[in-house]
Amino acid sequence: VESGGGLVQPGGSLRLSCAASGSIFRINGMRWFRQGPGEQRTLVAQVT
């Protein structure tokens, strides 16, 4: 479940959150992707 998006002015800041729930034994990696208008999905950041 993601939260924290919205509309901001250039130079501003936002903090996105992503909470995982369910049957989780171990998490190996967490990633953020984005897809702009007319673009393919691309990797923004990841942590292992």
All heavy atoms as atom14 arrays in JSON, in Angstrom:
{
  "sequence": "VESGGGLVQPGGSLRLSCAASGSIFRINGMRWFRQGPGEQRTLVAQVT",
  "atom14_mask": [
    [1, 1, 1, 1, 1, 1, 1, 0, 0, 0, 0, 0, 0, 0],
    [1, 1, 1, 1, 1, 1, 1, 1, 1, 0, 0, 0, 0, 0],
    [1, 1, 1, 1, 1, 1, 0, 0, 0, 0, 0, 0, 0, 0],
    [1, 1, 1, 1, 0, 0, 0, 0, 0, 0, 0, 0, 0, 0],
    [1, 1, 1, 1, 0, 0, 0, 0, 0, 0, 0, 0, 0, 0],
    [1, 1, 1, 1, 0, 0, 0, 0, 0, 0, 0, 0, 0, 0],
    [1, 1, 1, 1, 1, 1, 1, 1, 0, 0, 0, 0, 0, 0],
    [1, 1, 1, 1, 1, 1, 1, 0, 0, 0, 0, 0, 0, 0],
    [1, 1, 1, 1, 1, 1, 1, 1, 1, 0, 0, 0, 0, 0],
    [1, 1, 1, 1, 1, 1, 1, 0, 0, 0, 0, 0, 0, 0],
    [1, 1, 1, 1, 0, 0, 0, 0, 0, 0, 0, 0, 0, 0],
    [1, 1, 1, 1, 0, 0, 0, 0, 0, 0, 0, 0, 0, 0],
    [1, 1, 1, 1, 1, 1, 0, 0, 0, 0, 0, 0, 0, 0],
    [1, 1, 1, 1, 1, 1, 1, 1, 0, 0, 0, 0, 0, 0],
    [1, 1, 1, 1, 1, 1, 1, 1, 1, 1, 1, 0, 0, 0],
    [1, 1, 1, 1, 1, 1, 1, 1, 0, 0, 0, 0, 0, 0],
    [1, 1, 1, 1, 1, 1, 0, 0, 0, 0, 0, 0, 0, 0],
    [1, 1, 1, 1, 1, 1, 0, 0, 0, 0, 0, 0, 0, 0],
    [1, 1, 1, 1, 1, 0, 0, 0, 0, 0, 0, 0, 0, 0],
    [1, 1, 1, 1, 1, 0, 0, 0, 0, 0, 0, 0, 0, 0],
    [1, 1, 1, 1, 1, 1, 0, 0, 0, 0, 0, 0, 0, 0],
    [1, 1, 1, 1, 0, 0, 0, 0, 0, 0, 0, 0, 0, 0],
    [1, 1, 1, 1, 1, 1, 0, 0, 0, 0, 0, 0, 0, 0],
    [1, 1, 1, 1, 1, 1, 1, 1, 0, 0, 0, 0, 0, 0],
    [1, 1, 1, 1, 1, 1, 1, 1, 1, 1, 1, 0, 0, 0],
    [1, 1, 1, 1, 1, 1, 1, 1, 1, 1, 1, 0, 0, 0],
    [1, 1, 1, 1, 1, 1, 1, 1, 0, 0, 0, 0, 0, 0],
    [1, 1, 1, 1, 1, 1, 1, 1, 0, 0, 0, 0, 0, 0],
    [1, 1, 1, 1, 0, 0, 0, 0, 0, 0, 0, 0, 0, 0],
    [1, 1, 1, 1, 1, 1, 1, 1, 0, 0, 0, 0, 0, 0],
    [1, 1, 1, 1, 1, 1, 1, 1, 1, 1, 1, 0, 0, 0],
    [1, 1, 1, 1, 1, 1, 1, 1, 1, 1, 1, 1, 1, 1],
    [1, 1, 1, 1, 1, 1, 1, 1, 1, 1, 1, 0, 0, 0],
    [1, 1, 1, 1, 1, 1, 1, 1, 1, 1, 1, 0, 0, 0],
    [1, 1, 1, 1, 1, 1, 1, 1, 1, 0, 0, 0, 0, 0],
    [1, 1, 1, 1, 0, 0, 0, 0, 0, 0, 0, 0, 0, 0],
    [1, 1, 1, 1, 1, 1, 1, 0, 0, 0, 0, 0, 0, 0],
    [1, 1, 1, 1, 0, 0, 0, 0, 0, 0, 0, 0, 0, 0],
    [1, 1, 1, 1, 1, 1, 1, 1, 1, 0, 0, 0, 0, 0],
    [1, 1, 1, 1, 1, 1, 1, 1, 1, 0, 0, 0, 0, 0],
    [1, 1, 1, 1, 1, 1, 1, 1, 1, 1, 1, 0, 0, 0],
    [1, 1, 1, 1, 1, 1, 1, 0, 0, 0, 0, 0, 0, 0],
    [1, 1, 1, 1, 1, 1, 1, 1, 0, 0, 0, 0, 0, 0],
    [1, 1, 1, 1, 1, 1, 1, 0, 0, 0, 0, 0, 0, 0],
    [1, 1, 1, 1, 1, 0, 0, 0, 0, 0, 0, 0, 0, 0],
    [1, 1, 1, 1, 1, 1, 1, 1, 1, 0, 0, 0, 0, 0],
    [1, 1, 1, 1, 1, 1, 1, 0, 0, 0, 0, 0, 0, 0],
    [1, 1, 1, 1, 1, 1, 1, 0, 0, 0, 0, 0, 0, 0]
  ],
  "atom14_positions": [
    [[0.85, -1.18, 0.0], [0.0, 0.0, 0.0], [0.89, 1.24, 0.0], [1.69, 1.42, 0.91], [-0.95, 0.02, 1.21], [-1.78, 1.3, 1.2], [-1.86, -1.2, 1.19], [0.0, 0.0, 0.0], [0.0, 0.0, 0.0], [0.0, 0.0, 0.0], [0.0, 0.0, 0.0], [0.0, 0.0, 0.0], [0.0, 0.0, 0.0], [0.0, 0.0, 0.0]],
    [[0.73, 2.09, -1.02], [1.51, 3.29, -1.16], [0.74, 4.51, -0.67], [-0.49, 4.56, -0.78], [1.9, 3.51, -2.62], [2.71, 2.37, -3.24], [3.02, 2.63, -4.7], [3.34, 3.8, -5.04], [2.97, 1.69, -5.5], [0.0, 0.0, 0.0], [0.0, 0.0, 0.0], [0.0, 0.0, 0.0], [0.0, 0.0, 0.0], [0.0, 0.0, 0.0]],
    [[1.47, 5.51, -0.19], [0.87, 6.76, 0.24], [1.9, 7.87, 0.14], [3.11, 7.62, 0.01], [0.34, 6.66, 1.67], [1.37, 6.37, 2.59], [0.0, 0.0, 0.0], [0.0, 0.0, 0.0], [0.0, 0.0, 0.0], [0.0, 0.0, 0.0], [0.0, 0.0, 0.0], [0.0, 0.0, 0.0], [0.0, 0.0, 0.0], [0.0, 0.0, 0.0]],
    [[1.44, 9.13, 0.19], [2.33, 10.27, 0.26], [2.48, 11.08, -1.01], [3.21, 12.07, -1.02], [0.0, 0.0, 0.0], [0.0, 0.0, 0.0], [0.0, 0.0, 0.0], [0.0, 0.0, 0.0], [0.0, 0.0, 0.0], [0.0, 0.0, 0.0], [0.0, 0.0, 0.0], [0.0, 0.0, 0.0], [0.0, 0.0, 0.0], [0.0, 0.0, 0.0]],
    [[1.82, 10.7, -2.1], [1.92, 11.45, -3.33], [1.1, 12.73, -3.29], [0.47, 13.06, -2.29], [0.0, 0.0, 0.0], [0.0, 0.0, 0.0], [0.0, 0.0, 0.0], [0.0, 0.0, 0.0], [0.0, 0.0, 0.0], [0.0, 0.0, 0.0], [0.0, 0.0, 0.0], [0.0, 0.0, 0.0], [0.0, 0.0, 0.0], [0.0, 0.0, 0.0]],
    [[1.13, 13.46, -4.42], [0.36, 14.68, -4.5], [0.97, 15.68, -5.45], [1.81, 15.35, -6.29], [0.0, 0.0, 0.0], [0.0, 0.0, 0.0], [0.0, 0.0, 0.0], [0.0, 0.0, 0.0], [0.0, 0.0, 0.0], [0.0, 0.0, 0.0], [0.0, 0.0, 0.0], [0.0, 0.0, 0.0], [0.0, 0.0, 0.0], [0.0, 0.0, 0.0]],
    [[0.54, 16.94, -5.31], [0.98, 18.05, -6.14], [1.9, 18.96, -5.34], [1.54, 19.4, -4.24], [-0.23, 18.84, -6.65], [0.05, 20.13, -7.41], [0.77, 19.84, -8.71], [-1.25, 20.88, -7.66], [0.0, 0.0, 0.0], [0.0, 0.0, 0.0], [0.0, 0.0, 0.0], [0.0, 0.0, 0.0], [0.0, 0.0, 0.0], [0.0, 0.0, 0.0]],
    [[3.08, 19.26, -5.9], [4.03, 20.16, -5.26], [4.62, 21.1, -6.29], [4.62, 20.81, -7.49], [5.16, 19.41, -4.53], [4.61, 18.57, -3.39], [5.94, 18.55, -5.51], [0.0, 0.0, 0.0], [0.0, 0.0, 0.0], [0.0, 0.0, 0.0], [0.0, 0.0, 0.0], [0.0, 0.0, 0.0], [0.0, 0.0, 0.0], [0.0, 0.0, 0.0]],
    [[5.16, 22.23, -5.83], [5.84, 23.17, -6.7], [7.27, 22.73, -6.97], [7.86, 21.99, -6.17], [5.85, 24.56, -6.06], [4.48, 25.19, -5.9], [4.55, 26.58, -5.31], [5.56, 26.97, -4.74], [3.48, 27.33, -5.44], [0.0, 0.0, 0.0], [0.0, 0.0, 0.0], [0.0, 0.0, 0.0], [0.0, 0.0, 0.0], [0.0, 0.0, 0.0]],
    [[7.85, 23.15, -8.1], [9.27, 22.86, -8.33], [10.12, 23.33, -7.17], [9.93, 24.42, -6.63], [9.57, 23.64, -9.61], [8.26, 23.74, -10.31], [7.23, 23.87, -9.21], [0.0, 0.0, 0.0], [0.0, 0.0, 0.0], [0.0, 0.0, 0.0], [0.0, 0.0, 0.0], [0.0, 0.0, 0.0], [0.0, 0.0, 0.0], [0.0, 0.0, 0.0]],
    [[11.08, 22.49, -6.79], [11.92, 22.77, -5.63], [11.37, 22.24, -4.33], [12.08, 22.26, -3.31], [0.0, 0.0, 0.0], [0.0, 0.0, 0.0], [0.0, 0.0, 0.0], [0.0, 0.0, 0.0], [0.0, 0.0, 0.0], [0.0, 0.0, 0.0], [0.0, 0.0, 0.0], [0.0, 0.0, 0.0], [0.0, 0.0, 0.0], [0.0, 0.0, 0.0]],
    [[10.14, 21.77, -4.33], [9.52, 21.25, -3.13], [9.92, 19.82, -2.83], [10.75, 19.22, -3.53], [0.0, 0.0, 0.0], [0.0, 0.0, 0.0], [0.0, 0.0, 0.0], [0.0, 0.0, 0.0], [0.0, 0.0, 0.0], [0.0, 0.0, 0.0], [0.0, 0.0, 0.0], [0.0, 0.0, 0.0], [0.0, 0.0, 0.0], [0.0, 0.0, 0.0]],
    [[9.3, 19.25, -1.8], [9.63, 17.91, -1.33], [8.38, 17.09, -1.09], [7.32, 17.62, -0.76], [10.43, 17.98, -0.03], [11.67, 18.64, -0.2], [0.0, 0.0, 0.0], [0.0, 0.0, 0.0], [0.0, 0.0, 0.0], [0.0, 0.0, 0.0], [0.0, 0.0, 0.0], [0.0, 0.0, 0.0], [0.0, 0.0, 0.0], [0.0, 0.0, 0.0]],
    [[8.52, 15.78, -1.26], [7.5, 14.81, -0.92], [8.17, 13.57, -0.35], [9.33, 13.28, -0.68], [6.67, 14.4, -2.14], [5.58, 15.33, -2.64], [4.97, 14.77, -3.93], [4.5, 15.53, -1.58], [0.0, 0.0, 0.0], [0.0, 0.0, 0.0], [0.0, 0.0, 0.0], [0.0, 0.0, 0.0], [0.0, 0.0, 0.0], [0.0, 0.0, 0.0]],
    [[7.44, 12.84, 0.48], [7.92, 11.59, 1.04], [6.9, 10.49, 0.76], [5.78, 10.54, 1.26], [8.14, 11.71, 2.55], [8.71, 10.46, 3.22], [8.89, 10.71, 4.71], [9.3, 9.54, 5.46], [10.56, 9.17, 5.67], [11.55, 9.9, 5.17], [10.84, 8.09, 6.39], [0.0, 0.0, 0.0], [0.0, 0.0, 0.0], [0.0, 0.0, 0.0]],
    [[7.29, 9.52, -0.06], [6.44, 8.39, -0.38], [6.68, 7.24, 0.6], [7.82, 7.0, 1.01], [6.69, 7.89, -1.8], [6.55, 8.91, -2.94], [6.78, 8.22, -4.28], [5.19, 9.58, -2.9], [0.0, 0.0, 0.0], [0.0, 0.0, 0.0], [0.0, 0.0, 0.0], [0.0, 0.0, 0.0], [0.0, 0.0, 0.0], [0.0, 0.0, 0.0]],
    [[5.62, 6.53, 0.95], [5.71, 5.37, 1.81], [5.1, 4.16, 1.12], [4.14, 4.3, 0.36], [4.98, 5.61, 3.14], [5.55, 6.69, 3.85], [0.0, 0.0, 0.0], [0.0, 0.0, 0.0], [0.0, 0.0, 0.0], [0.0, 0.0, 0.0], [0.0, 0.0, 0.0], [0.0, 0.0, 0.0], [0.0, 0.0, 0.0], [0.0, 0.0, 0.0]],
    [[5.63, 2.98, 1.41], [5.11, 1.73, 0.87], [5.19, 0.67, 1.96], [6.29, 0.27, 2.35], [5.9, 1.31, -0.37], [5.4, -0.28, -1.06], [0.0, 0.0, 0.0], [0.0, 0.0, 0.0], [0.0, 0.0, 0.0], [0.0, 0.0, 0.0], [0.0, 0.0, 0.0], [0.0, 0.0, 0.0], [0.0, 0.0, 0.0], [0.0, 0.0, 0.0]],
    [[4.04, 0.24, 2.46], [3.97, -0.74, 3.54], [3.57, -2.1, 3.0], [2.56, -2.22, 2.3], [2.98, -0.28, 4.61], [0.0, 0.0, 0.0], [0.0, 0.0, 0.0], [0.0, 0.0, 0.0], [0.0, 0.0, 0.0], [0.0, 0.0, 0.0], [0.0, 0.0, 0.0], [0.0, 0.0, 0.0], [0.0, 0.0, 0.0], [0.0, 0.0, 0.0]],
    [[4.34, -3.13, 3.35], [4.07, -4.5, 2.93], [3.4, -5.28, 4.05], [3.76, -5.13, 5.22], [5.35, -5.19, 2.5], [0.0, 0.0, 0.0], [0.0, 0.0, 0.0], [0.0, 0.0, 0.0], [0.0, 0.0, 0.0], [0.0, 0.0, 0.0], [0.0, 0.0, 0.0], [0.0, 0.0, 0.0], [0.0, 0.0, 0.0], [0.0, 0.0, 0.0]],
    [[2.43, -6.12, 3.69], [1.75, -6.96, 4.66], [1.4, -8.3, 4.03], [1.34, -8.42, 2.81], [0.49, -6.27, 5.2], [-0.45, -6.05, 4.16], [0.0, 0.0, 0.0], [0.0, 0.0, 0.0], [0.0, 0.0, 0.0], [0.0, 0.0, 0.0], [0.0, 0.0, 0.0], [0.0, 0.0, 0.0], [0.0, 0.0, 0.0], [0.0, 0.0, 0.0]],
    [[1.14, -9.3, 4.87], [0.81, -10.63, 4.41], [1.82, -11.65, 4.88], [2.43, -11.5, 5.93], [0.0, 0.0, 0.0], [0.0, 0.0, 0.0], [0.0, 0.0, 0.0], [0.0, 0.0, 0.0], [0.0, 0.0, 0.0], [0.0, 0.0, 0.0], [0.0, 0.0, 0.0], [0.0, 0.0, 0.0], [0.0, 0.0, 0.0], [0.0, 0.0, 0.0]],
    [[2.01, -12.7, 4.09], [2.93, -13.78, 4.43], [4.34, -13.39, 4.01], [4.73, -13.55, 2.85], [2.51, -15.08, 3.75], [1.22, -15.48, 4.17], [0.0, 0.0, 0.0], [0.0, 0.0, 0.0], [0.0, 0.0, 0.0], [0.0, 0.0, 0.0], [0.0, 0.0, 0.0], [0.0, 0.0, 0.0], [0.0, 0.0, 0.0], [0.0, 0.0, 0.0]],
    [[5.11, -12.87, 4.96], [6.47, -12.41, 4.7], [7.42, -13.13, 5.64], [7.34, -12.96, 6.86], [6.59, -10.89, 4.88], [5.63, -10.15, 3.94], [8.03, -10.45, 4.64], [5.59, -8.66, 4.16], [0.0, 0.0, 0.0], [0.0, 0.0, 0.0], [0.0, 0.0, 0.0], [0.0, 0.0, 0.0], [0.0, 0.0, 0.0], [0.0, 0.0, 0.0]],
    [[8.32, -13.9, 5.07], [9.37, -14.55, 5.82], [10.67, -13.76, 5.76], [11.36, -13.6, 6.77], [9.59, -15.99, 5.31], [10.75, -16.69, 5.94], [10.67, -17.14, 7.25], [11.92, -16.92, 5.24], [11.74, -17.79, 7.85], [12.99, -17.58, 5.82], [12.9, -18.01, 7.13], [0.0, 0.0, 0.0], [0.0, 0.0, 0.0], [0.0, 0.0, 0.0]],
    [[10.99, -13.25, 4.59], [12.22, -12.49, 4.4], [12.05, -11.55, 3.22], [11.51, -11.94, 2.19], [13.4, -13.42, 4.16], [14.71, -12.71, 3.86], [15.81, -13.71, 3.54], [17.03, -13.06, 3.09], [18.0, -12.64, 3.88], [17.91, -12.82, 5.2], [19.08, -12.06, 3.38], [0.0, 0.0, 0.0], [0.0, 0.0, 0.0], [0.0, 0.0, 0.0]],
    [[12.51, -10.32, 3.36], [12.53, -9.35, 2.28], [13.96, -9.22, 1.78], [14.87, -8.92, 2.56], [11.98, -7.98, 2.73], [10.49, -8.09, 3.02], [12.25, -6.93, 1.65], [9.88, -6.81, 3.55], [0.0, 0.0, 0.0], [0.0, 0.0, 0.0], [0.0, 0.0, 0.0], [0.0, 0.0, 0.0], [0.0, 0.0, 0.0], [0.0, 0.0, 0.0]],
    [[14.16, -9.43, 0.48], [15.49, -9.36, -0.12], [15.77, -8.01, -0.77], [16.92, -7.58, -0.81], [15.67, -10.47, -1.15], [15.74, -11.84, -0.52], [16.09, -11.98, 0.65], [15.4, -12.86, -1.3], [0.0, 0.0, 0.0], [0.0, 0.0, 0.0], [0.0, 0.0, 0.0], [0.0, 0.0, 0.0], [0.0, 0.0, 0.0], [0.0, 0.0, 0.0]],
    [[14.74, -7.37, -1.3], [14.95, -6.09, -1.96], [13.68, -5.27, -2.01], [12.58, -5.81, -2.1], [0.0, 0.0, 0.0], [0.0, 0.0, 0.0], [0.0, 0.0, 0.0], [0.0, 0.0, 0.0], [0.0, 0.0, 0.0], [0.0, 0.0, 0.0], [0.0, 0.0, 0.0], [0.0, 0.0, 0.0], [0.0, 0.0, 0.0], [0.0, 0.0, 0.0]],
    [[13.85, -3.95, -1.97], [12.73, -3.03, -2.07], [13.11, -1.97, -3.09], [14.22, -1.43, -3.05], [12.41, -2.4, -0.71], [12.25, -3.43, 0.41], [11.85, -2.71, 2.03], [10.06, -2.72, 1.93], [0.0, 0.0, 0.0], [0.0, 0.0, 0.0], [0.0, 0.0, 0.0], [0.0, 0.0, 0.0], [0.0, 0.0, 0.0], [0.0, 0.0, 0.0]],
    [[12.19, -1.67, -4.01], [12.48, -0.8, -5.13], [11.37, 0.2, -5.37], [10.21, -0.05, -5.04], [12.68, -1.63, -6.42], [13.77, -2.68, -6.34], [13.76, -3.56, -7.57], [14.82, -4.54, -7.56], [15.0, -5.46, -8.49], [14.17, -5.52, -9.53], [16.0, -6.31, -8.4], [0.0, 0.0, 0.0], [0.0, 0.0, 0.0], [0.0, 0.0, 0.0]],
    [[11.74, 1.32, -5.95], [10.8, 2.31, -6.45], [10.99, 2.48, -7.96], [12.13, 2.66, -8.42], [10.98, 3.67, -5.77], [10.49, 3.72, -4.36], [11.23, 3.58, -3.23], [9.14, 3.93, -3.94], [10.44, 3.7, -2.11], [9.15, 3.91, -2.52], [7.93, 4.13, -4.6], [7.99, 4.08, -1.77], [6.79, 4.3, -3.84], [6.82, 4.27, -2.46]],
    [[9.9, 2.39, -8.7], [9.85, 2.65, -10.12], [8.96, 3.85, -10.4], [8.17, 4.25, -9.54], [9.31, 1.44, -10.89], [10.2, 0.23, -10.88], [10.2, -0.63, -9.79], [11.01, -0.07, -11.96], [11.01, -1.76, -9.78], [11.82, -1.19, -11.96], [11.83, -2.03, -10.86], [0.0, 0.0, 0.0], [0.0, 0.0, 0.0], [0.0, 0.0, 0.0]],
    [[9.07, 4.41, -11.59], [8.14, 5.44, -12.0], [7.87, 5.34, -13.5], [8.68, 4.81, -14.26], [8.64, 6.84, -11.65], [9.84, 7.32, -12.45], [10.3, 8.68, -11.92], [11.41, 9.22, -12.67], [12.08, 10.31, -12.33], [11.73, 11.0, -11.23], [13.08, 10.75, -13.08], [0.0, 0.0, 0.0], [0.0, 0.0, 0.0], [0.0, 0.0, 0.0]],
    [[6.71, 5.85, -13.9], [6.31, 5.85, -15.3], [5.66, 7.18, -15.62], [4.56, 7.48, -15.14], [5.35, 4.7, -15.59], [4.99, 4.55, -17.05], [4.22, 3.27, -17.33], [3.72, 2.62, -16.41], [4.13, 2.89, -18.59], [0.0, 0.0, 0.0], [0.0, 0.0, 0.0], [0.0, 0.0, 0.0], [0.0, 0.0, 0.0], [0.0, 0.0, 0.0]],
    [[6.35, 8.01, -16.42], [5.82, 9.28, -16.84], [4.94, 9.13, -18.06], [4.85, 8.06, -18.67], [0.0, 0.0, 0.0], [0.0, 0.0, 0.0], [0.0, 0.0, 0.0], [0.0, 0.0, 0.0], [0.0, 0.0, 0.0], [0.0, 0.0, 0.0], [0.0, 0.0, 0.0], [0.0, 0.0, 0.0], [0.0, 0.0, 0.0], [0.0, 0.0, 0.0]],
    [[4.28, 10.21, -18.47], [3.41, 10.17, -19.65], [4.17, 9.75, -20.89], [5.21, 10.34, -21.23], [2.9, 11.61, -19.77], [3.04, 12.18, -18.39], [4.27, 11.54, -17.83], [0.0, 0.0, 0.0], [0.0, 0.0, 0.0], [0.0, 0.0, 0.0], [0.0, 0.0, 0.0], [0.0, 0.0, 0.0], [0.0, 0.0, 0.0], [0.0, 0.0, 0.0]],
    [[3.68, 8.73, -21.59], [4.31, 8.26, -22.81], [5.64, 7.56, -22.62], [6.37, 7.38, -23.6], [0.0, 0.0, 0.0], [0.0, 0.0, 0.0], [0.0, 0.0, 0.0], [0.0, 0.0, 0.0], [0.0, 0.0, 0.0], [0.0, 0.0, 0.0], [0.0, 0.0, 0.0], [0.0, 0.0, 0.0], [0.0, 0.0, 0.0], [0.0, 0.0, 0.0]],
    [[5.98, 7.18, -21.4], [7.26, 6.55, -21.1], [7.06, 5.15, -20.55], [6.0, 4.8, -20.04], [8.06, 7.39, -20.1], [8.39, 8.79, -20.56], [9.14, 9.58, -19.52], [9.24, 9.11, -18.36], [9.65, 10.66, -19.85], [0.0, 0.0, 0.0], [0.0, 0.0, 0.0], [0.0, 0.0, 0.0], [0.0, 0.0, 0.0], [0.0, 0.0, 0.0]],
    [[8.12, 4.34, -20.65], [8.12, 3.04, -20.01], [8.5, 3.19, -18.54], [9.09, 4.18, -18.12], [9.11, 2.1, -20.71], [8.7, 1.68, -22.11], [9.61, 0.61, -22.66], [10.81, 0.61, -22.43], [9.03, -0.32, -23.42], [0.0, 0.0, 0.0], [0.0, 0.0, 0.0], [0.0, 0.0, 0.0], [0.0, 0.0, 0.0], [0.0, 0.0, 0.0]],
    [[8.14, 2.18, -17.76], [8.49, 2.16, -16.35], [10.0, 2.02, -16.18], [10.63, 1.18, -16.83], [7.77, 1.0, -15.67], [7.94, 0.94, -14.16], [7.22, -0.26, -13.59], [7.77, -1.5, -14.12], [7.21, -2.7, -13.95], [6.06, -2.79, -13.3], [7.78, -3.77, -14.45], [0.0, 0.0, 0.0], [0.0, 0.0, 0.0], [0.0, 0.0, 0.0]],
    [[10.58, 2.85, -15.33], [12.02, 2.82, -15.09], [12.32, 2.76, -13.6], [11.53, 3.23, -12.77], [12.71, 4.06, -15.69], [12.17, 5.25, -15.11], [12.52, 4.11, -17.2], [0.0, 0.0, 0.0], [0.0, 0.0, 0.0], [0.0, 0.0, 0.0], [0.0, 0.0, 0.0], [0.0, 0.0, 0.0], [0.0, 0.0, 0.0], [0.0, 0.0, 0.0]],
    [[13.46, 2.2, -13.27], [13.89, 2.08, -11.88], [14.39, 3.43, -11.37], [15.22, 4.08, -12.01], [14.98, 1.02, -11.76], [15.56, 0.79, -10.36], [14.5, 0.21, -9.44], [16.77, -0.13, -10.44], [0.0, 0.0, 0.0], [0.0, 0.0, 0.0], [0.0, 0.0, 0.0], [0.0, 0.0, 0.0], [0.0, 0.0, 0.0], [0.0, 0.0, 0.0]],
    [[13.9, 3.83, -10.2], [14.3, 5.08, -9.57], [15.36, 4.83, -8.5], [16.39, 5.5, -8.45], [13.09, 5.81, -8.96], [13.53, 7.08, -8.23], [12.07, 6.14, -10.05], [0.0, 0.0, 0.0], [0.0, 0.0, 0.0], [0.0, 0.0, 0.0], [0.0, 0.0, 0.0], [0.0, 0.0, 0.0], [0.0, 0.0, 0.0], [0.0, 0.0, 0.0]],
    [[15.09, 3.88, -7.6], [15.99, 3.6, -6.49], [15.69, 2.22, -5.94], [14.57, 1.7, -6.08], [15.86, 4.64, -5.39], [0.0, 0.0, 0.0], [0.0, 0.0, 0.0], [0.0, 0.0, 0.0], [0.0, 0.0, 0.0], [0.0, 0.0, 0.0], [0.0, 0.0, 0.0], [0.0, 0.0, 0.0], [0.0, 0.0, 0.0], [0.0, 0.0, 0.0]],
    [[16.69, 1.6, -5.3], [16.48, 0.31, -4.68], [17.43, 0.13, -3.51], [18.51, 0.72, -3.46], [16.68, -0.84, -5.68], [18.08, -0.98, -6.24], [18.22, -2.13, -7.21], [17.23, -2.72, -7.65], [19.44, -2.46, -7.57], [0.0, 0.0, 0.0], [0.0, 0.0, 0.0], [0.0, 0.0, 0.0], [0.0, 0.0, 0.0], [0.0, 0.0, 0.0]],
    [[17.02, -0.73, -2.57], [17.84, -1.11, -1.44], [17.69, -2.62, -1.26], [16.59, -3.16, -1.34], [17.46, -0.34, -0.16], [15.99, -0.55, 0.19], [18.35, -0.75, 1.0], [0.0, 0.0, 0.0], [0.0, 0.0, 0.0], [0.0, 0.0, 0.0], [0.0, 0.0, 0.0], [0.0, 0.0, 0.0], [0.0, 0.0, 0.0], [0.0, 0.0, 0.0]],
    [[18.81, -3.31, -1.01], [18.8, -4.75, -0.82], [18.84, -5.09, 0.66], [18.99, -4.21, 1.52], [20.0, -5.4, -1.52], [21.21, -5.03, -0.84], [20.09, -4.96, -2.97], [0.0, 0.0, 0.0], [0.0, 0.0, 0.0], [0.0, 0.0, 0.0], [0.0, 0.0, 0.0], [0.0, 0.0, 0.0], [0.0, 0.0, 0.0], [0.0, 0.0, 0.0]]
  ]
}
